[in-house]
Amino acid sequence: MSLGELGEWTLRAKCRDMEDVLFPESKDQRRVRNICMSCPVRMECLAEALDNRVQWGVWGGMTERERRRLLRSRPDITSWREVLLTYGRLEEAS
């Protein structure tokens, strides 16, 4: 799946022109996460991965392991997009 298939928000993603950035090798995850931290659509990206239970790669600055842990800790949330775009930060949504 390419970023372009996901929605208009992807046009503003810092990683939009980078090959293989969504599915980095373990050793590259830190580099990719740093790119995410200053991305203007970080919350949209993370919401996409959480709402669709994306199992692979770094999305919105979180690895698959971190997303699984978050999903397990908050099974009551039915729309991560709504939560993340309303609060803008994971800490405030908890």
Protein backbone atom coordinates (compact mmCIF):
# COMPACT_ATOMS: atom_id res chain seq x y z
CA MET A 1 0.00 0.00 0.00
CA SER A 2 1.35 3.43 -0.84
CA LEU A 3 0.72 6.57 1.16
CA GLY A 4 -1.18 8.06 -1.76
CA GLU A 5 -3.85 5.39 -1.43
CA LEU A 6 -4.67 6.43 2.14
CA GLY A 7 -6.03 9.93 1.75
CA GLU A 8 -5.34 13.56 1.06
CA TRP A 9 -3.50 14.07 4.35
CA THR A 10 -0.65 11.98 2.96
CA LEU A 11 0.26 14.77 0.54
CA ARG A 12 1.56 16.74 3.54
CA ALA A 13 3.44 13.82 5.14
CA LYS A 14 7.18 14.36 5.56
CA CYS A 15 7.79 10.78 4.43
CA ARG A 16 5.66 10.96 1.28
CA ASP A 17 8.64 10.75 -1.10
CA MET A 18 10.76 8.38 0.93
CA GLU A 19 10.94 4.76 -0.13
CA ASP A 20 10.33 2.06 2.46
CA VAL A 21 9.93 4.55 5.30
CA LEU A 22 6.71 2.95 6.60
CA PHE A 23 8.31 -0.45 7.02
CA PRO A 24 11.87 0.18 8.20
CA GLU A 25 14.30 -2.42 9.43
CA SER A 26 14.52 -2.48 13.22
CA LYS A 27 17.78 -0.56 13.14
CA ASP A 28 16.15 2.29 11.16
CA GLN A 29 13.08 2.73 13.36
CA ARG A 30 14.66 5.51 15.43
CA ARG A 31 15.50 7.50 12.28
CA VAL A 32 11.97 7.09 10.94
CA ARG A 33 10.40 8.01 14.28
CA ASN A 34 12.44 11.24 14.30
CA ILE A 35 10.96 12.12 10.92
CA CYS A 36 7.48 11.53 12.32
CA MET A 37 7.95 13.77 15.35
CA SER A 38 8.01 16.94 13.25
CA CYS A 39 5.49 15.82 10.63
CA PRO A 40 2.43 18.07 10.24
CA VAL A 41 0.11 15.07 9.77
CA ARG A 42 1.50 12.83 12.50
CA MET A 43 -1.86 12.45 14.27
CA GLU A 44 -3.71 11.62 11.03
CA CYS A 45 -1.10 8.99 10.23
CA LEU A 46 -1.25 7.44 13.68
CA ALA A 47 -5.05 7.45 13.64
CA GLU A 48 -5.01 5.67 10.27
CA ALA A 49 -2.83 2.91 11.68
CA LEU A 50 -4.78 2.55 14.94
CA ASP A 51 -8.27 2.65 13.40
CA ASN A 52 -7.30 0.11 10.75
CA ARG A 53 -5.19 -2.06 13.05
CA VAL A 54 -2.13 -1.79 10.80
CA GLN A 55 0.24 -4.46 12.01
CA TRP A 56 3.51 -3.42 10.40
CA GLY A 57 5.83 -0.44 10.32
CA VAL A 58 6.16 2.95 11.95
CA TRP A 59 3.07 5.14 11.66
CA GLY A 60 2.72 8.51 13.35
CA GLY A 61 5.92 7.88 15.27
CA MET A 62 4.82 4.60 16.85
CA THR A 63 6.10 1.12 16.11
CA GLU A 64 3.76 -1.83 15.70
CA ARG A 65 4.57 -2.99 19.24
CA GLU A 66 3.73 0.41 20.72
CA ARG A 67 0.45 0.57 18.80
CA ARG A 68 -0.57 -2.92 19.94
CA ARG A 69 0.12 -1.94 23.55
CA LEU A 70 -1.94 1.24 23.17
CA LEU A 71 -4.84 -0.61 21.53
CA ARG A 72 -4.86 -3.19 24.33
CA SER A 73 -4.84 -0.47 26.98
CA ARG A 74 -7.78 1.43 25.45
CA PRO A 75 -10.25 -1.08 23.94
CA ASP A 76 -13.06 1.41 24.63
CA ILE A 77 -11.92 3.82 21.91
CA THR A 78 -13.81 3.21 18.68
CA SER A 79 -12.37 6.11 16.67
CA TRP A 80 -8.74 6.97 17.20
CA ARG A 81 -9.04 9.59 14.49
CA GLU A 82 -11.65 11.44 16.51
CA VAL A 83 -9.62 11.19 19.74
CA LEU A 84 -6.26 12.16 18.25
CA LEU A 85 -7.55 15.00 16.12
CA THR A 86 -9.61 16.37 19.02
CA TYR A 87 -6.91 16.19 21.68
CA GLY A 88 -3.85 16.30 19.43
CA ARG A 89 -1.68 14.33 21.84
CA LEU A 90 -1.81 10.82 23.20
CA GLU A 91 -1.09 11.99 26.74
CA GLU A 92 -4.25 14.12 26.77
CA ALA A 93 -6.39 11.33 25.33
CA SER A 94 -5.49 8.87 28.09
